[in-house]
Amino acid sequence: FFASPFTGLIAFAGHPKRAVTVDWGIALLAYLLAGALLARLIAR
């Protein structure tokens, strides 16, 4: 639900599990970064 916008960013030929791992890893980092920036703005 949370990582679906990031699905399909990276494609590895013959490695669908690796593609999902990288795509969802990017989503994980994006949520942490966006949350930290938004929280910092609100805290200021």
ModelCIF file with pLDDT and N, C-alpha, C, O atoms, coordinates in Angstrom:
data_MODEL
#
_entry.id   MODEL 
#
_entity.id                         1 
_entity.type                       polymer 
_entity.pdbx_number_of_molecules   1 
#
_entity_poly.entity_id                      1 
_entity_poly.type                           'polypeptide(L)' 
_entity_poly.nstd_linkage                   no 
_entity_poly.nstd_monomer                   no 
_entity_poly.pdbx_seq_one_letter_code       FFASPFTGLIAFAGHPKRAVTVDWGIALLAYLLAGALLARLIAR 
_entity_poly.pdbx_seq_one_letter_code_can   FFASPFTGLIAFAGHPKRAVTVDWGIALLAYLLAGALLARLIAR 
_entity_poly.pdbx_strand_id                 A 
#
loop_
_entity_poly_seq.entity_id 
_entity_poly_seq.num 
_entity_poly_seq.mon_id 
_entity_poly_seq.hetero 
1 1  PHE n 
1 2  PHE n 
1 3  ALA n 
1 4  SER n 
1 5  PRO n 
1 6  PHE n 
1 7  THR n 
1 8  GLY n 
1 9  LEU n 
1 10 ILE n 
1 11 ALA n 
1 12 PHE n 
1 13 ALA n 
1 14 GLY n 
1 15 HIS n 
1 16 PRO n 
1 17 LYS n 
1 18 ARG n 
1 19 ALA n 
1 20 VAL n 
1 21 THR n 
1 22 VAL n 
1 23 ASP n 
1 24 TRP n 
1 25 GLY n 
1 26 ILE n 
1 27 ALA n 
1 28 LEU n 
1 29 LEU n 
1 30 ALA n 
1 31 TYR n 
1 32 LEU n 
1 33 LEU n 
1 34 ALA n 
1 35 GLY n 
1 36 ALA n 
1 37 LEU n 
1 38 LEU n 
1 39 ALA n 
1 40 ARG n 
1 41 LEU n 
1 42 ILE n 
1 43 ALA n 
1 44 ARG n 
#
_struct_asym.id          A 
_struct_asym.entity_id   1 
#
loop_
_ma_qa_metric.id 
_ma_qa_metric.mode 
_ma_qa_metric.name 
_ma_qa_metric.software_group_id 
_ma_qa_metric.type 
1 global pLDDT . pLDDT 
2 local  pLDDT . pLDDT 
#
_ma_qa_metric_global.metric_id      1 
_ma_qa_metric_global.metric_value   89.20 
_ma_qa_metric_global.model_id       1 
_ma_qa_metric_global.ordinal_id     1 
#
loop_
_ma_qa_metric_local.label_asym_id 
_ma_qa_metric_local.label_comp_id 
_ma_qa_metric_local.label_seq_id 
_ma_qa_metric_local.metric_id 
_ma_qa_metric_local.metric_value 
_ma_qa_metric_local.model_id 
_ma_qa_metric_local.ordinal_id 
A PHE 1  2 94.00 1 1  
A PHE 2  2 95.00 1 2  
A ALA 3  2 93.00 1 3  
A SER 4  2 91.00 1 4  
A PRO 5  2 90.00 1 5  
A PHE 6  2 90.00 1 6  
A THR 7  2 85.00 1 7  
A GLY 8  2 83.00 1 8  
A LEU 9  2 84.00 1 9  
A ILE 10 2 83.00 1 10 
A ALA 11 2 80.00 1 11 
A PHE 12 2 79.00 1 12 
A ALA 13 2 80.00 1 13 
A GLY 14 2 78.00 1 14 
A HIS 15 2 77.00 1 15 
A PRO 16 2 75.00 1 16 
A LYS 17 2 80.00 1 17 
A ARG 18 2 87.00 1 18 
A ALA 19 2 86.00 1 19 
A VAL 20 2 87.00 1 20 
A THR 21 2 90.00 1 21 
A VAL 22 2 91.00 1 22 
A ASP 23 2 92.00 1 23 
A TRP 24 2 94.00 1 24 
A GLY 25 2 94.00 1 25 
A ILE 26 2 94.00 1 26 
A ALA 27 2 95.00 1 27 
A LEU 28 2 95.00 1 28 
A LEU 29 2 96.00 1 29 
A ALA 30 2 96.00 1 30 
A TYR 31 2 96.00 1 31 
A LEU 32 2 96.00 1 32 
A LEU 33 2 97.00 1 33 
A ALA 34 2 96.00 1 34 
A GLY 35 2 96.00 1 35 
A ALA 36 2 95.00 1 36 
A LEU 37 2 95.00 1 37 
A LEU 38 2 94.00 1 38 
A ALA 39 2 92.00 1 39 
A ARG 40 2 89.00 1 40 
A LEU 41 2 89.00 1 41 
A ILE 42 2 87.00 1 42 
A ALA 43 2 85.00 1 43 
A ARG 44 2 84.00 1 44 
#
loop_
_atom_site.group_PDB 
_atom_site.id 
_atom_site.type_symbol 
_atom_site.label_atom_id 
_atom_site.label_alt_id 
_atom_site.label_comp_id 
_atom_site.label_asym_id 
_atom_site.label_entity_id 
_atom_site.label_seq_id 
_atom_site.pdbx_PDB_ins_code 
_atom_site.Cartn_x 
_atom_site.Cartn_y 
_atom_site.Cartn_z 
_atom_site.occupancy 
_atom_site.B_iso_or_equiv 
_atom_site.pdbx_formal_charge 
_atom_site.auth_seq_id 
_atom_site.auth_comp_id 
_atom_site.auth_asym_id 
_atom_site.auth_atom_id 
_atom_site.pdbx_PDB_model_num 
ATOM 1   N N  . PHE A 1 1  ? 0.836  -1.201  0.000   1.00 94.00 ? 1  PHE A N  1 
ATOM 2   C CA . PHE A 1 1  ? 0.000  0.000   0.000   1.00 94.00 ? 1  PHE A CA 1 
ATOM 3   C C  . PHE A 1 1  ? 0.874  1.255   0.000   1.00 94.00 ? 1  PHE A C  1 
ATOM 4   O O  . PHE A 1 1  ? 0.630  2.187   -0.767  1.00 94.00 ? 1  PHE A O  1 
ATOM 5   N N  . PHE A 1 2  ? 1.894  1.276   0.864   1.00 95.00 ? 2  PHE A N  1 
ATOM 6   C CA . PHE A 1 2  ? 2.747  2.453   0.975   1.00 95.00 ? 2  PHE A CA 1 
ATOM 7   C C  . PHE A 1 2  ? 3.823  2.517   -0.104  1.00 95.00 ? 2  PHE A C  1 
ATOM 8   O O  . PHE A 1 2  ? 4.216  3.612   -0.507  1.00 95.00 ? 2  PHE A O  1 
ATOM 9   N N  . ALA A 1 3  ? 4.310  1.372   -0.583  1.00 93.00 ? 3  ALA A N  1 
ATOM 10  C CA . ALA A 1 3  ? 5.424  1.357   -1.526  1.00 93.00 ? 3  ALA A CA 1 
ATOM 11  C C  . ALA A 1 3  ? 4.987  1.185   -2.978  1.00 93.00 ? 3  ALA A C  1 
ATOM 12  O O  . ALA A 1 3  ? 5.837  1.167   -3.869  1.00 93.00 ? 3  ALA A O  1 
ATOM 13  N N  . SER A 1 4  ? 3.695  1.058   -3.240  1.00 91.00 ? 4  SER A N  1 
ATOM 14  C CA . SER A 1 4  ? 3.251  0.820   -4.612  1.00 91.00 ? 4  SER A CA 1 
ATOM 15  C C  . SER A 1 4  ? 3.639  1.937   -5.583  1.00 91.00 ? 4  SER A C  1 
ATOM 16  O O  . SER A 1 4  ? 3.899  1.630   -6.747  1.00 91.00 ? 4  SER A O  1 
ATOM 17  N N  . PRO A 1 5  ? 3.697  3.224   -5.181  1.00 90.00 ? 5  PRO A N  1 
ATOM 18  C CA . PRO A 1 5  ? 4.151  4.233   -6.149  1.00 90.00 ? 5  PRO A CA 1 
ATOM 19  C C  . PRO A 1 5  ? 5.607  4.042   -6.585  1.00 90.00 ? 5  PRO A C  1 
ATOM 20  O O  . PRO A 1 5  ? 6.016  4.559   -7.624  1.00 90.00 ? 5  PRO A O  1 
ATOM 21  N N  . PHE A 1 6  ? 6.375  3.313   -5.805  1.00 90.00 ? 6  PHE A N  1 
ATOM 22  C CA . PHE A 1 6  ? 7.787  3.117   -6.118  1.00 90.00 ? 6  PHE A CA 1 
ATOM 23  C C  . PHE A 1 6  ? 8.045  1.811   -6.869  1.00 90.00 ? 6  PHE A C  1 
ATOM 24  O O  . PHE A 1 6  ? 9.172  1.560   -7.295  1.00 90.00 ? 6  PHE A O  1 
ATOM 25  N N  . THR A 1 7  ? 7.027  0.984   -7.034  1.00 85.00 ? 7  THR A N  1 
ATOM 26  C CA . THR A 1 7  ? 7.197  -0.297  -7.707  1.00 85.00 ? 7  THR A CA 1 
ATOM 27  C C  . THR A 1 7  ? 7.444  -0.057  -9.189  1.00 85.00 ? 7  THR A C  1 
ATOM 28  O O  . THR A 1 7  ? 6.720  0.710   -9.825  1.00 85.00 ? 7  THR A O  1 
ATOM 29  N N  . GLY A 1 8  ? 8.458  -0.705  -9.740  1.00 83.00 ? 8  GLY A N  1 
ATOM 30  C CA . GLY A 1 8  ? 8.782  -0.595  -11.151 1.00 83.00 ? 8  GLY A CA 1 
ATOM 31  C C  . GLY A 1 8  ? 9.812  0.478   -11.461 1.00 83.00 ? 8  GLY A C  1 
ATOM 32  O O  . GLY A 1 8  ? 10.046 0.777   -12.632 1.00 83.00 ? 8  GLY A O  1 
ATOM 33  N N  . LEU A 1 9  ? 10.428 1.059   -10.457 1.00 84.00 ? 9  LEU A N  1 
ATOM 34  C CA . LEU A 1 9  ? 11.453 2.072   -10.715 1.00 84.00 ? 9  LEU A CA 1 
ATOM 35  C C  . LEU A 1 9  ? 12.712 1.449   -11.304 1.00 84.00 ? 9  LEU A C  1 
ATOM 36  O O  . LEU A 1 9  ? 13.297 1.982   -12.247 1.00 84.00 ? 9  LEU A O  1 
ATOM 37  N N  . ILE A 1 10 ? 13.117 0.335   -10.749 1.00 83.00 ? 10 ILE A N  1 
ATOM 38  C CA . ILE A 1 10 ? 14.345 -0.352  -11.160 1.00 83.00 ? 10 ILE A CA 1 
ATOM 39  C C  . ILE A 1 10 ? 13.958 -1.733  -11.678 1.00 83.00 ? 10 ILE A C  1 
ATOM 40  O O  . ILE A 1 10 ? 13.121 -2.413  -11.085 1.00 83.00 ? 10 ILE A O  1 
ATOM 41  N N  . ALA A 1 11 ? 14.564 -2.138  -12.774 1.00 80.00 ? 11 ALA A N  1 
ATOM 42  C CA . ALA A 1 11 ? 14.305 -3.475  -13.324 1.00 80.00 ? 11 ALA A CA 1 
ATOM 43  C C  . ALA A 1 11 ? 15.636 -4.232  -13.432 1.00 80.00 ? 11 ALA A C  1 
ATOM 44  O O  . ALA A 1 11 ? 16.619 -3.731  -13.979 1.00 80.00 ? 11 ALA A O  1 
ATOM 45  N N  . PHE A 1 12 ? 15.628 -5.452  -12.892 1.00 79.00 ? 12 PHE A N  1 
ATOM 46  C CA . PHE A 1 12 ? 16.780 -6.343  -13.007 1.00 79.00 ? 12 PHE A CA 1 
ATOM 47  C C  . PHE A 1 12 ? 16.339 -7.533  -13.828 1.00 79.00 ? 12 PHE A C  1 
ATOM 48  O O  . PHE A 1 12 ? 15.360 -8.194  -13.485 1.00 79.00 ? 12 PHE A O  1 
ATOM 49  N N  . ALA A 1 13 ? 17.042 -7.813  -14.900 1.00 80.00 ? 13 ALA A N  1 
ATOM 50  C CA . ALA A 1 13 ? 16.676 -8.933  -15.773 1.00 80.00 ? 13 ALA A CA 1 
ATOM 51  C C  . ALA A 1 13 ? 16.873 -10.244 -15.027 1.00 80.00 ? 13 ALA A C  1 
ATOM 52  O O  . ALA A 1 13 ? 17.980 -10.570 -14.598 1.00 80.00 ? 13 ALA A O  1 
ATOM 53  N N  . GLY A 1 14 ? 15.782 -10.992 -14.878 1.00 78.00 ? 14 GLY A N  1 
ATOM 54  C CA . GLY A 1 14 ? 15.848 -12.303 -14.249 1.00 78.00 ? 14 GLY A CA 1 
ATOM 55  C C  . GLY A 1 14 ? 15.866 -12.286 -12.730 1.00 78.00 ? 14 GLY A C  1 
ATOM 56  O O  . GLY A 1 14 ? 15.990 -13.345 -12.116 1.00 78.00 ? 14 GLY A O  1 
ATOM 57  N N  . HIS A 1 15 ? 15.748 -11.134 -12.108 1.00 77.00 ? 15 HIS A N  1 
ATOM 58  C CA . HIS A 1 15 ? 15.780 -11.042 -10.652 1.00 77.00 ? 15 HIS A CA 1 
ATOM 59  C C  . HIS A 1 15 ? 14.606 -10.198 -10.142 1.00 77.00 ? 15 HIS A C  1 
ATOM 60  O O  . HIS A 1 15 ? 14.798 -9.059  -9.716  1.00 77.00 ? 15 HIS A O  1 
ATOM 61  N N  . PRO A 1 16 ? 13.399 -10.754 -10.185 1.00 75.00 ? 16 PRO A N  1 
ATOM 62  C CA . PRO A 1 16 ? 12.243 -9.949  -9.733  1.00 75.00 ? 16 PRO A CA 1 
ATOM 63  C C  . PRO A 1 16 ? 12.288 -9.646  -8.231  1.00 75.00 ? 16 PRO A C  1 
ATOM 64  O O  . PRO A 1 16 ? 11.824 -8.592  -7.796  1.00 75.00 ? 16 PRO A O  1 
ATOM 65  N N  . LYS A 1 17 ? 12.842 -10.564 -7.445  1.00 80.00 ? 17 LYS A N  1 
ATOM 66  C CA . LYS A 1 17 ? 12.917 -10.331 -6.008  1.00 80.00 ? 17 LYS A CA 1 
ATOM 67  C C  . LYS A 1 17 ? 13.866 -9.174  -5.701  1.00 80.00 ? 17 LYS A C  1 
ATOM 68  O O  . LYS A 1 17 ? 13.599 -8.369  -4.809  1.00 80.00 ? 17 LYS A O  1 
ATOM 69  N N  . ARG A 1 18 ? 14.970 -9.093  -6.439  1.00 87.00 ? 18 ARG A N  1 
ATOM 70  C CA . ARG A 1 18 ? 15.923 -8.008  -6.242  1.00 87.00 ? 18 ARG A CA 1 
ATOM 71  C C  . ARG A 1 18 ? 15.302 -6.665  -6.640  1.00 87.00 ? 18 ARG A C  1 
ATOM 72  O O  . ARG A 1 18 ? 15.546 -5.643  -5.998  1.00 87.00 ? 18 ARG A O  1 
ATOM 73  N N  . ALA A 1 19 ? 14.497 -6.680  -7.707  1.00 86.00 ? 19 ALA A N  1 
ATOM 74  C CA . ALA A 1 19 ? 13.842 -5.448  -8.149  1.00 86.00 ? 19 ALA A CA 1 
ATOM 75  C C  . ALA A 1 19 ? 12.880 -4.933  -7.080  1.00 86.00 ? 19 ALA A C  1 
ATOM 76  O O  . ALA A 1 19 ? 12.847 -3.736  -6.794  1.00 86.00 ? 19 ALA A O  1 
ATOM 77  N N  . VAL A 1 20 ? 12.103 -5.834  -6.494  1.00 87.00 ? 20 VAL A N  1 
ATOM 78  C CA . VAL A 1 20 ? 11.174 -5.428  -5.436  1.00 87.00 ? 20 VAL A CA 1 
ATOM 79  C C  . VAL A 1 20 ? 11.955 -4.933  -4.219  1.00 87.00 ? 20 VAL A C  1 
ATOM 80  O O  . VAL A 1 20 ? 11.559 -3.950  -3.592  1.00 87.00 ? 20 VAL A O  1 
ATOM 81  N N  . THR A 1 21 ? 13.049 -5.594  -3.882  1.00 90.00 ? 21 THR A N  1 
ATOM 82  C CA . THR A 1 21 ? 13.862 -5.176  -2.742  1.00 90.00 ? 21 THR A CA 1 
ATOM 83  C C  . THR A 1 21 ? 14.412 -3.770  -2.944  1.00 90.00 ? 21 THR A C  1 
ATOM 84  O O  . THR A 1 21 ? 14.373 -2.953  -2.025  1.00 90.00 ? 21 THR A O  1 
ATOM 85  N N  . VAL A 1 22 ? 14.916 -3.484  -4.121  1.00 91.00 ? 22 VAL A N  1 
ATOM 86  C CA . VAL A 1 22 ? 15.479 -2.162  -4.395  1.00 91.00 ? 22 VAL A CA 1 
ATOM 87  C C  . VAL A 1 22 ? 14.373 -1.106  -4.432  1.00 91.00 ? 22 VAL A C  1 
ATOM 88  O O  . VAL A 1 22 ? 14.522 -0.032  -3.849  1.00 91.00 ? 22 VAL A O  1 
ATOM 89  N N  . ASP A 1 23 ? 13.273 -1.405  -5.109  1.00 92.00 ? 23 ASP A N  1 
ATOM 90  C CA . ASP A 1 23 ? 12.162 -0.456  -5.199  1.00 92.00 ? 23 ASP A CA 1 
ATOM 91  C C  . ASP A 1 23 ? 11.604 -0.133  -3.815  1.00 92.00 ? 23 ASP A C  1 
ATOM 92  O O  . ASP A 1 23 ? 11.400 1.036   -3.487  1.00 92.00 ? 23 ASP A O  1 
ATOM 93  N N  . TRP A 1 24 ? 11.360 -1.144  -3.014  1.00 94.00 ? 24 TRP A N  1 
ATOM 94  C CA . TRP A 1 24 ? 10.814 -0.912  -1.681  1.00 94.00 ? 24 TRP A CA 1 
ATOM 95  C C  . TRP A 1 24 ? 11.854 -0.279  -0.761  1.00 94.00 ? 24 TRP A C  1 
ATOM 96  O O  . TRP A 1 24 ? 11.499 0.465   0.153   1.00 94.00 ? 24 TRP A O  1 
ATOM 97  N N  . GLY A 1 25 ? 13.129 -0.564  -0.993  1.00 94.00 ? 25 GLY A N  1 
ATOM 98  C CA . GLY A 1 25 ? 14.193 0.106   -0.235  1.00 94.00 ? 25 GLY A CA 1 
ATOM 99  C C  . GLY A 1 25 ? 14.217 1.604   -0.533  1.00 94.00 ? 25 GLY A C  1 
ATOM 100 O O  . GLY A 1 25 ? 14.419 2.420   0.367   1.00 94.00 ? 25 GLY A O  1 
ATOM 101 N N  . ILE A 1 26 ? 14.011 1.957   -1.794  1.00 94.00 ? 26 ILE A N  1 
ATOM 102 C CA . ILE A 1 26 ? 13.910 3.375   -2.161  1.00 94.00 ? 26 ILE A CA 1 
ATOM 103 C C  . ILE A 1 26 ? 12.701 4.005   -1.474  1.00 94.00 ? 26 ILE A C  1 
ATOM 104 O O  . ILE A 1 26 ? 12.777 5.132   -0.986  1.00 94.00 ? 26 ILE A O  1 
ATOM 105 N N  . ALA A 1 27 ? 11.579 3.270   -1.436  1.00 95.00 ? 27 ALA A N  1 
ATOM 106 C CA . ALA A 1 27 ? 10.377 3.773   -0.765  1.00 95.00 ? 27 ALA A CA 1 
ATOM 107 C C  . ALA A 1 27 ? 10.649 3.976   0.724   1.00 95.00 ? 27 ALA A C  1 
ATOM 108 O O  . ALA A 1 27 ? 10.236 4.981   1.303   1.00 95.00 ? 27 ALA A O  1 
ATOM 109 N N  . LEU A 1 28 ? 11.337 3.032   1.334   1.00 95.00 ? 28 LEU A N  1 
ATOM 110 C CA . LEU A 1 28 ? 11.681 3.135   2.750   1.00 95.00 ? 28 LEU A CA 1 
ATOM 111 C C  . LEU A 1 28 ? 12.489 4.401   3.014   1.00 95.00 ? 28 LEU A C  1 
ATOM 112 O O  . LEU A 1 28 ? 12.185 5.154   3.940   1.00 95.00 ? 28 LEU A O  1 
ATOM 113 N N  . LEU A 1 29 ? 13.506 4.634   2.211   1.00 96.00 ? 29 LEU A N  1 
ATOM 114 C CA . LEU A 1 29 ? 14.327 5.833   2.383   1.00 96.00 ? 29 LEU A CA 1 
ATOM 115 C C  . LEU A 1 29 ? 13.538 7.109   2.098   1.00 96.00 ? 29 LEU A C  1 
ATOM 116 O O  . LEU A 1 29 ? 13.723 8.120   2.776   1.00 96.00 ? 29 LEU A O  1 
ATOM 117 N N  . ALA A 1 30 ? 12.663 7.064   1.102   1.00 96.00 ? 30 ALA A N  1 
ATOM 118 C CA . ALA A 1 30 ? 11.856 8.245   0.773   1.00 96.00 ? 30 ALA A CA 1 
ATOM 119 C C  . ALA A 1 30 ? 10.916 8.607   1.926   1.00 96.00 ? 30 ALA A C  1 
ATOM 120 O O  . ALA A 1 30 ? 10.761 9.784   2.251   1.00 96.00 ? 30 ALA A O  1 
ATOM 121 N N  . TYR A 1 31 ? 10.288 7.600   2.548   1.00 96.00 ? 31 TYR A N  1 
ATOM 122 C CA . TYR A 1 31 ? 9.403  7.879   3.679   1.00 96.00 ? 31 TYR A CA 1 
ATOM 123 C C  . TYR A 1 31 ? 10.183 8.434   4.867   1.00 96.00 ? 31 TYR A C  1 
ATOM 124 O O  . TYR A 1 31 ? 9.722  9.362   5.531   1.00 96.00 ? 31 TYR A O  1 
ATOM 125 N N  . LEU A 1 32 ? 11.349 7.876   5.137   1.00 96.00 ? 32 LEU A N  1 
ATOM 126 C CA . LEU A 1 32 ? 12.153 8.399   6.246   1.00 96.00 ? 32 LEU A CA 1 
ATOM 127 C C  . LEU A 1 32 ? 12.607 9.830   5.988   1.00 96.00 ? 32 LEU A C  1 
ATOM 128 O O  . LEU A 1 32 ? 12.551 10.675  6.881   1.00 96.00 ? 32 LEU A O  1 
ATOM 129 N N  . LEU A 1 33 ? 13.055 10.099  4.772   1.00 97.00 ? 33 LEU A N  1 
ATOM 130 C CA . LEU A 1 33 ? 13.525 11.429  4.432   1.00 97.00 ? 33 LEU A CA 1 
ATOM 131 C C  . LEU A 1 33 ? 12.383 12.440  4.448   1.00 97.00 ? 33 LEU A C  1 
ATOM 132 O O  . LEU A 1 33 ? 12.523 13.523  5.016   1.00 97.00 ? 33 LEU A O  1 
ATOM 133 N N  . ALA A 1 34 ? 11.254 12.097  3.828   1.00 96.00 ? 34 ALA A N  1 
ATOM 134 C CA . ALA A 1 34 ? 10.106 13.009  3.805   1.00 96.00 ? 34 ALA A CA 1 
ATOM 135 C C  . ALA A 1 34 ? 9.566  13.240  5.217   1.00 96.00 ? 34 ALA A C  1 
ATOM 136 O O  . ALA A 1 34 ? 9.220  14.368  5.570   1.00 96.00 ? 34 ALA A O  1 
ATOM 137 N N  . GLY A 1 35 ? 9.494  12.193  6.017   1.00 96.00 ? 35 GLY A N  1 
ATOM 138 C CA . GLY A 1 35 ? 9.025  12.337  7.392   1.00 96.00 ? 35 GLY A CA 1 
ATOM 139 C C  . GLY A 1 35 ? 9.944  13.222  8.217   1.00 96.00 ? 35 GLY A C  1 
ATOM 140 O O  . GLY A 1 35 ? 9.477  14.052  8.996   1.00 96.00 ? 35 GLY A O  1 
ATOM 141 N N  . ALA A 1 36 ? 11.246 13.048  8.050   1.00 95.00 ? 36 ALA A N  1 
ATOM 142 C CA . ALA A 1 36 ? 12.206 13.857  8.802   1.00 95.00 ? 36 ALA A CA 1 
ATOM 143 C C  . ALA A 1 36 ? 12.126 15.325  8.388   1.00 95.00 ? 36 ALA A C  1 
ATOM 144 O O  . ALA A 1 36 ? 12.151 16.214  9.239   1.00 95.00 ? 36 ALA A O  1 
ATOM 145 N N  . LEU A 1 37 ? 12.031 15.579  7.088   1.00 95.00 ? 37 LEU A N  1 
ATOM 146 C CA . LEU A 1 37 ? 11.940 16.961  6.622   1.00 95.00 ? 37 LEU A CA 1 
ATOM 147 C C  . LEU A 1 37 ? 10.646 17.625  7.081   1.00 95.00 ? 37 LEU A C  1 
ATOM 148 O O  . LEU A 1 37 ? 10.660 18.769  7.536   1.00 95.00 ? 37 LEU A O  1 
ATOM 149 N N  . LEU A 1 38 ? 9.537  16.915  6.964   1.00 94.00 ? 38 LEU A N  1 
ATOM 150 C CA . LEU A 1 38 ? 8.252  17.469  7.378   1.00 94.00 ? 38 LEU A CA 1 
ATOM 151 C C  . LEU A 1 38 ? 8.217  17.697  8.887   1.00 94.00 ? 38 LEU A C  1 
ATOM 152 O O  . LEU A 1 38 ? 7.724  18.727  9.348   1.00 94.00 ? 38 LEU A O  1 
ATOM 153 N N  . ALA A 1 39 ? 8.736  16.747  9.652   1.00 92.00 ? 39 ALA A N  1 
ATOM 154 C CA . ALA A 1 39 ? 8.768  16.898  11.106  1.00 92.00 ? 39 ALA A CA 1 
ATOM 155 C C  . ALA A 1 39 ? 9.665  18.072  11.500  1.00 92.00 ? 39 ALA A C  1 
ATOM 156 O O  . ALA A 1 39 ? 9.348  18.808  12.434  1.00 92.00 ? 39 ALA A O  1 
ATOM 157 N N  . ARG A 1 40 ? 10.755 18.244  10.808  1.00 89.00 ? 40 ARG A N  1 
ATOM 158 C CA . ARG A 1 40 ? 11.665 19.364  11.111  1.00 89.00 ? 40 ARG A CA 1 
ATOM 159 C C  . ARG A 1 40 ? 10.999 20.701  10.819  1.00 89.00 ? 40 ARG A C  1 
ATOM 160 O O  . ARG A 1 40 ? 11.141 21.652  11.588  1.00 89.00 ? 40 ARG A O  1 
ATOM 161 N N  . LEU A 1 41 ? 10.271 20.773  9.706   1.00 89.00 ? 41 LEU A N  1 
ATOM 162 C CA . LEU A 1 41 ? 9.562  22.001  9.358   1.00 89.00 ? 41 LEU A CA 1 
ATOM 163 C C  . LEU A 1 41 ? 8.492  22.323  10.399  1.00 89.00 ? 41 LEU A C  1 
ATOM 164 O O  . LEU A 1 41 ? 8.366  23.468  10.833  1.00 89.00 ? 41 LEU A O  1 
ATOM 165 N N  . ILE A 1 42 ? 7.736  21.326  10.791  1.00 87.00 ? 42 ILE A N  1 
ATOM 166 C CA . ILE A 1 42 ? 6.694  21.524  11.802  1.00 87.00 ? 42 ILE A CA 1 
ATOM 167 C C  . ILE A 1 42 ? 7.315  21.916  13.133  1.00 87.00 ? 42 ILE A C  1 
ATOM 168 O O  . ILE A 1 42 ? 6.789  22.784  13.829  1.00 87.00 ? 42 ILE A O  1 
ATOM 169 N N  . ALA A 1 43 ? 8.426  21.289  13.495  1.00 85.00 ? 43 ALA A N  1 
ATOM 170 C CA . ALA A 1 43 ? 9.089  21.598  14.764  1.00 85.00 ? 43 ALA A CA 1 
ATOM 171 C C  . ALA A 1 43 ? 9.637  23.025  14.779  1.00 85.00 ? 43 ALA A C  1 
ATOM 172 O O  . ALA A 1 43 ? 9.618  23.680  15.820  1.00 85.00 ? 43 ALA A O  1 
ATOM 173 N N  . ARG A 1 44 ? 10.118 23.506  13.649  1.00 84.00 ? 44 ARG A N  1 
ATOM 174 C CA . ARG A 1 44 ? 10.607 24.888  13.592  1.00 84.00 ? 44 ARG A CA 1 
ATOM 175 C C  . ARG A 1 44 ? 9.489  25.874  13.837  1.00 84.00 ? 44 ARG A C  1 
ATOM 176 O O  . ARG A 1 44 ? 9.718  27.083  13.826  1.00 84.00 ? 44 ARG A O  1 
#
